Protein backbone atom coordinates (compact mmCIF):
# COMPACT_ATOMS: atom_id res chain seq x y z
CA MET A 1 0.00 0.00 0.00
CA LYS A 2 2.84 2.34 0.87
CA GLU A 3 4.46 1.70 -2.55
CA VAL A 4 1.17 2.54 -4.30
CA LEU A 5 0.86 5.81 -2.42
CA VAL A 6 4.46 6.74 -3.27
CA THR A 7 3.79 5.98 -6.94
CA ILE A 8 0.61 8.08 -6.97
CA GLN A 9 2.50 10.92 -5.33
CA SER A 10 5.19 10.62 -8.03
CA VAL A 11 2.53 10.88 -10.73
CA TYR A 12 1.15 14.11 -9.30
CA GLN A 13 4.64 15.56 -8.83
CA TYR A 14 5.46 14.60 -12.42
CA LEU A 15 2.31 16.26 -13.78
CA GLU A 16 2.82 19.33 -11.60
CA LYS A 17 6.34 19.90 -13.01
CA LEU A 18 5.04 19.83 -16.59
CA GLY A 19 2.51 22.59 -16.14
CA PRO A 20 -1.28 22.32 -16.38
CA LYS A 21 -1.65 22.37 -20.19
CA LYS A 22 0.98 19.73 -21.03
CA SER A 23 0.09 17.51 -18.06
CA PHE A 24 -3.63 17.63 -18.93
CA GLN A 25 -2.98 16.61 -22.57
CA ILE A 26 -0.71 13.73 -21.57
CA LEU A 27 -3.07 12.52 -18.84
CA LYS A 28 -6.04 12.77 -21.22
CA ASN A 29 -4.37 10.81 -24.05
CA LEU A 30 -2.53 8.18 -22.02
CA GLY A 31 -4.83 7.65 -19.07
CA TYR A 32 -4.02 7.60 -15.37
CA GLU A 33 -3.25 3.87 -15.20
CA LYS A 34 -0.61 4.09 -17.95
CA LEU A 35 1.10 7.01 -16.21
CA LEU A 36 0.88 5.25 -12.86
CA SER A 37 2.55 2.15 -14.30
CA LEU A 38 5.29 4.14 -16.08
CA THR A 39 6.17 6.39 -13.14
CA GLY A 40 6.50 3.30 -10.97
CA LYS A 41 9.24 1.90 -13.22
CA VAL A 42 11.18 4.98 -14.34
CA PRO A 43 12.76 7.56 -12.00
CA LYS A 44 10.50 10.59 -11.80
CA GLU A 45 13.39 12.99 -12.55
CA ARG A 46 14.20 11.21 -15.80
CA LEU A 47 10.59 11.31 -16.93
CA ILE A 48 10.31 15.01 -16.15
CA VAL A 49 13.49 15.90 -18.07
CA LEU A 50 12.51 13.81 -21.09
CA THR A 51 8.93 15.07 -21.19
CA GLN A 52 10.05 18.69 -20.89
CA LYS A 53 12.28 18.25 -23.95
CA LEU A 54 9.53 16.63 -26.04
CA SER A 55 6.13 17.82 -27.20
CA GLU A 56 3.06 16.27 -25.59
CA ASP A 57 2.14 14.63 -28.93
CA THR A 58 5.58 13.03 -29.16
CA VAL A 59 5.36 11.75 -25.57
CA VAL A 60 1.95 10.22 -26.25
CA GLU A 61 3.11 8.56 -29.51
CA LEU A 62 6.26 7.27 -27.83
CA VAL A 63 4.28 5.55 -25.08
CA LYS A 64 1.68 4.21 -27.52
CA GLN A 65 4.09 2.95 -30.21
CA ILE A 66 6.75 1.35 -28.01
CA PRO A 67 5.89 -1.42 -25.53
CA GLU A 68 6.32 -0.29 -21.94
CA LYS A 69 8.96 -2.88 -21.09
CA ILE A 70 11.14 -1.77 -24.02
CA LEU A 71 10.53 1.93 -23.36
CA VAL A 72 11.61 1.55 -19.72
CA GLU A 73 14.77 -0.25 -20.88
CA MET A 74 15.44 2.45 -23.50
CA ILE A 75 15.31 5.15 -20.84
CA ARG A 76 17.49 3.10 -18.52
CA GLU A 77 20.17 2.30 -21.11
CA ASN A 78 20.42 5.68 -22.91
CA GLU A 79 21.43 9.16 -21.83
CA ASP A 80 18.68 11.81 -21.94
CA ASP A 81 20.34 13.84 -24.71
CA ASP A 82 20.99 10.74 -26.83
CA LEU A 83 17.43 9.52 -26.43
CA VAL A 84 15.93 12.91 -27.28
CA TYR A 85 18.21 13.16 -30.36
CA PHE A 86 17.08 9.73 -31.59
CA ILE A 87 13.42 10.64 -31.03
CA HIS A 88 13.77 13.93 -32.92
CA SER A 89 15.90 12.48 -35.75
CA LEU A 90 13.95 9.33 -36.66
CA PRO A 91 10.30 8.95 -37.65
CA MET A 92 8.32 7.37 -34.81
CA ALA A 93 7.59 4.22 -36.87
CA ASP A 94 11.33 3.73 -37.53
CA LEU A 95 12.20 4.41 -33.90
CA ALA A 96 9.62 1.87 -32.75
CA LEU A 97 10.99 -0.71 -35.22
CA VAL A 98 14.58 -0.12 -34.05
CA SER A 99 13.56 -0.36 -30.40
CA ARG A 100 11.82 -3.70 -30.98
CA SER A 101 14.58 -5.15 -33.18
CA ILE A 102 17.86 -3.98 -31.61
CA PRO A 103 18.36 -4.35 -27.84
CA PRO A 104 18.25 -0.91 -26.13
CA HIS A 105 21.57 -1.74 -24.49
CA ASP A 106 23.17 -2.09 -27.94
CA VAL A 107 21.66 1.19 -29.15
CA GLY A 108 22.99 2.89 -26.02
CA LEU A 109 26.43 1.37 -26.56
CA LEU A 110 26.41 2.54 -30.18
CA ALA A 111 25.54 6.10 -29.17
CA LYS A 112 28.08 6.20 -26.33
CA THR A 113 30.89 4.83 -28.54
CA LEU A 114 30.29 6.58 -31.87
CA GLY A 115 28.16 9.51 -30.76
CA LYS A 116 24.45 10.06 -31.33
CA GLU A 117 24.93 11.92 -34.64
CA THR A 118 27.05 9.14 -36.20
CA SER A 119 24.69 6.45 -34.91
CA VAL A 120 21.70 8.11 -36.56
CA GLU A 121 23.73 8.70 -39.76
CA ILE A 122 24.45 4.96 -40.00
CA LEU A 123 20.79 4.05 -39.54
CA LYS A 124 19.57 6.64 -42.04
CA THR A 125 22.21 6.05 -44.72
CA LEU A 126 21.95 2.26 -44.74
CA GLY A 127 18.21 2.30 -44.13
CA ILE A 128 16.44 1.02 -41.03
CA GLN A 129 15.63 -2.43 -42.46
CA LYS A 130 19.17 -3.05 -43.71
CA SER A 131 20.75 -1.79 -40.48
CA ILE A 132 18.55 -4.08 -38.40
CA ALA A 133 19.22 -7.08 -40.67
CA LEU A 134 23.00 -6.62 -40.43
CA LEU A 135 23.10 -5.87 -36.70
CA LYS A 136 21.21 -9.11 -36.15
CA GLU A 137 24.10 -10.92 -37.87
CA ILE A 138 26.90 -9.04 -36.10
CA PRO A 139 27.19 -8.60 -32.33
CA MET A 140 27.38 -4.88 -31.48
CA LYS A 141 30.85 -5.22 -29.91
CA ASP A 142 32.14 -6.79 -33.16
CA PHE A 143 30.58 -4.02 -35.23
CA LEU A 144 32.22 -1.37 -33.03
CA TRP A 145 35.56 -3.19 -33.38
CA LEU A 146 35.17 -3.04 -37.17
CA VAL A 147 34.39 0.69 -37.04
CA ASN A 148 37.47 1.25 -34.91
CA GLU A 149 39.60 -0.59 -37.48
CA ILE A 150 38.43 1.06 -40.71
CA HIS A 151 36.18 3.95 -39.57
CA VAL A 152 32.53 4.66 -40.31
CA GLY A 153 32.81 6.16 -43.83
CA PRO A 154 34.33 3.11 -45.57
CA ILE A 155 31.91 0.76 -43.81
CA ILE A 156 28.90 2.79 -44.93
CA GLN A 157 30.26 2.96 -48.49
CA LEU A 158 30.95 -0.78 -48.60
CA VAL A 159 27.68 -1.95 -47.05
CA SER A 160 25.59 0.54 -49.07
CA GLU A 161 26.77 -1.09 -52.32
CA LEU A 162 26.37 -4.71 -51.19
CA SER A 163 23.06 -6.49 -50.72
CA VAL A 164 22.04 -7.88 -47.34
CA ALA A 165 22.29 -11.40 -48.81
CA ASP A 166 25.90 -10.80 -49.94
CA CYS A 167 26.82 -9.31 -46.56
CA LYS A 168 25.35 -12.35 -44.80
CA LYS A 169 27.28 -14.72 -47.09
CA TRP A 170 30.53 -12.92 -46.33
CA ILE A 171 29.92 -12.86 -42.56
CA LYS A 172 28.94 -16.53 -42.50
CA GLN A 173 31.92 -17.76 -44.53
CA ARG A 174 34.73 -15.30 -43.72
CA GLY A 175 33.68 -13.44 -40.56
CA LEU A 176 34.83 -9.86 -39.99
CA GLU A 177 38.53 -10.26 -39.22
CA GLU A 178 39.71 -10.09 -42.84
CA LEU A 179 37.65 -7.06 -43.86
CA PRO A 180 40.06 -4.43 -42.43
CA ILE A 181 42.96 -6.18 -44.21
CA LEU A 182 41.16 -6.19 -47.57
CA ILE A 183 39.87 -2.62 -47.27
CA LYS A 184 43.29 -1.27 -46.29
CA PHE A 185 44.95 -3.18 -49.15
CA PHE A 186 42.47 -2.60 -51.99
CA GLY A 187 40.52 0.43 -50.80
CA VAL A 188 36.73 0.37 -50.75
CA SER A 189 36.19 1.27 -54.43
CA GLN A 190 38.55 -1.42 -55.77
CA ALA A 191 37.19 -4.05 -53.37
CA LEU A 192 33.69 -3.27 -54.62
CA THR A 193 34.92 -3.52 -58.22
CA ILE A 194 36.22 -7.05 -57.51
CA PHE A 195 32.96 -8.09 -55.84
CA LYS A 196 30.91 -6.73 -58.73
CA LYS A 197 33.10 -8.33 -61.39
CA LEU A 198 33.25 -11.79 -59.82
CA GLY A 199 30.05 -11.83 -57.83
CA MET A 200 30.11 -12.61 -54.13
CA ASN A 201 29.99 -16.39 -54.57
CA GLN A 202 33.01 -16.51 -56.91
CA ALA A 203 34.93 -13.98 -54.79
CA LEU A 204 34.41 -16.17 -51.74
CA ASP A 205 35.37 -19.29 -53.70
CA MET A 206 38.58 -17.63 -54.88
CA MET A 207 39.53 -16.58 -51.34
CA HIS A 208 38.81 -20.10 -50.11
CA LEU A 209 40.90 -21.61 -52.91
CA LEU A 210 43.90 -19.27 -52.70
CA GLY A 211 43.83 -18.07 -49.13
CA THR A 212 43.77 -14.39 -48.16
CA ARG A 213 47.52 -13.75 -48.21
CA GLU A 214 48.07 -15.58 -51.49
CA MET A 215 45.22 -13.63 -53.10
CA LEU A 216 46.75 -10.33 -51.97
CA GLU A 217 50.18 -11.36 -53.22
CA LEU A 218 48.72 -12.45 -56.58
CA SER A 219 46.85 -9.13 -56.88
CA LEU A 220 50.06 -7.22 -56.16
CA LEU A 221 51.94 -9.29 -58.74
CA LEU A 222 49.30 -8.64 -61.39
CA SER A 223 49.25 -4.91 -60.61
CA LYS A 224 52.95 -4.68 -61.54
CA MET A 225 52.52 -6.37 -64.90
CA HIS A 226 52.20 -4.32 -68.10
CA LEU A 227 48.92 -5.63 -69.41
CA GLU A 228 46.74 -4.14 -72.12
CA GLU A 229 43.04 -4.64 -72.62
CA LYS A 230 43.43 -4.82 -76.39
CA ASN A 231 45.37 -8.05 -75.99
CA ILE A 232 42.42 -9.85 -74.46
CA PRO A 233 41.30 -12.29 -77.16
CA SER A 234 38.01 -11.35 -78.71
CA LEU A 235 37.22 -14.96 -79.64
CA VAL A 236 35.26 -16.99 -77.14
CA VAL A 237 37.52 -19.68 -75.77
CA LEU A 238 35.72 -22.96 -75.48
CA LYS A 239 35.60 -24.60 -72.11
CA PRO A 240 36.68 -28.25 -71.79
CA ASN A 241 33.02 -29.24 -71.39
CA ASP A 242 32.17 -27.48 -74.63
CA LEU A 243 34.94 -29.30 -76.47
CA SER A 244 33.91 -32.66 -75.17
CA SER A 245 30.29 -32.00 -76.01
CA LYS A 246 31.29 -30.94 -79.53
CA ASN A 247 33.32 -34.10 -79.98
CA ASN A 248 30.44 -36.18 -78.72
CA SER A 249 28.07 -34.49 -81.11
CA LYS A 250 30.09 -35.54 -84.18
CA PRO A 251 28.42 -38.43 -86.05
CA ALA A 252 30.15 -41.73 -85.45
CA PRO A 253 32.09 -42.97 -88.47
CA LYS A 254 30.24 -45.56 -90.43
CA LYS A 255 31.60 -49.05 -90.10
CA LYS A 256 32.82 -50.56 -93.31
CA GLN A 257 30.57 -53.36 -94.30
CA ILE A 258 32.46 -56.56 -94.94
CA PRO A 259 31.17 -58.17 -98.18
CA LYS A 260 29.52 -61.49 -97.51
CA LYS A 261 31.21 -64.53 -99.02
CA LYS A 262 29.22 -66.20 -101.70
CA LYS A 263 28.14 -69.69 -100.76
CA THR A 264 29.63 -72.34 -103.03
CA SER A 265 27.37 -75.19 -103.92
CA LYS A 266 28.64 -78.66 -103.30
CA ARG A 267 28.77 -80.98 -106.20
């Protein structure tokens, strides 16, 4: 009973701090029970600061669009300024999708490590759906390690050009450890040129066949050769299968018919 009274008191103190107009709108649209439940799980001071920085419509949409359990965790895991920046920078539907798809702890870690502006830039540039799909494949700590190795710009450029399916193939077969090596060696543009020329499947097959170091050494060797495009033969070179199929398609030589011996009649 004492806890209930303390919670009710917190609700009234919360509404009082917001002023009559804002508090009336929020109470009218959310209902007393919703506010009672929320103020019992989030420190009153945090709620007051956040609500003062947001419009009453935004507060109402936030509580309606995001499940209470996730919203409480979002407030717990993120700084006030970071949370307000995310709310102002992303459409509510996108924010709700991110909150349900990426753990609030990971979003908070992203903002604390890279900054709120960079975090939002990544989500917006790659697109919410693509960002969520990739962050489901990569643990946040591994993603932050990758950013530390090759910085945000090259990662955004690389991932923007590749499909989610290709990214998943690479992560599943090669992991992340080799990416900084390849990007530093080839540069993003040239790495993308290789992927586009070969296709992700053949690029992965080649790396599996040669090994990473051997592939880099071969690329360096080829880069020092004086090669000209005009010397590439214009004729289509037949593959061994084509040759064998052509040979098989030739009509079999006709067997010479051996003349039958005439029967001699016995006398």
